[in-house]
Amino acid sequence: MDNCKRAVSGAAAGLALCMCCLFTVDSSAQQSDDVVITTHHINPVRDARTPWDEVQNCLRDTACAVAVNGIAAQVGIPANAIRLVNAGAAFTAKAEGEETRYSIPALAGRKICRVQVRTTSVVPATGDRASLFSISAAPAAVGIYTWTPRQGVGAGRSWYDGMVFVAHVKAELADDYTKSGKCTVPQTGKAAAYECRGASGVNHGLAACGSKAL
């Protein structure tokens, strides 16, 4: 598999990470590449860190490791069988004013199986103009939307910062994985979705951002 070292331009507003976690397991019932997880750092601050910095940070970060290991357990792969490699997941990021839209398609020959969101920080953290994060997951792709308001002079920057973990399953296994509960993104019908705002309390009718599994 080709290595991936993908940087995002300032105009893309800082989608700062592209990498895959490949899982290996000795069980004959499950091939080593049945499930692949891509990990994405979402940060619409234009001076976000580089992809290679983020890869190293993730490897050393307990929360990141816990999230990946958790998904591995949910799909029935031993945590100690995880192998992390750099690999490419094509995605796009488009910034327009206060809004940024991201698209993470399923890898070739696969469908989206599970998604986990882990919020790091949100600014503004409270109020009707707290930053907004929204995500939807369907078999073909994950869509992400962030709204980070422009603040007045001297008020500083605004952002949503977090990690999104996307599990991709081989297309021919998607139905069986969904029926068994290993995959939780609906293969038909309404997409799985999550929307949040700010870092604490309820802001403009939405609960604060945190961790969420889809």
Foldseek 3Di string as FASTA:
>chain_A
DDFDFDDDALQLQDFAEWFKKFFADPDPVDHRRQKMKIKTKDKSHSCDDHHVVVVVVLVVDPVNLVVVLVLCVLLPGHSVRIDTGGDGFDKGWHDDAQKIKIKTFAPPQWFWFKKKKFWDFWPVAAEQQTKKWKWWGEGTIIMIMIGFDDDDPPPDGTITIIMMMIMIGRPVCRVVCVVVRSGDADHDDGTDMDMAGHAQDHYNRGHHDGMDMD
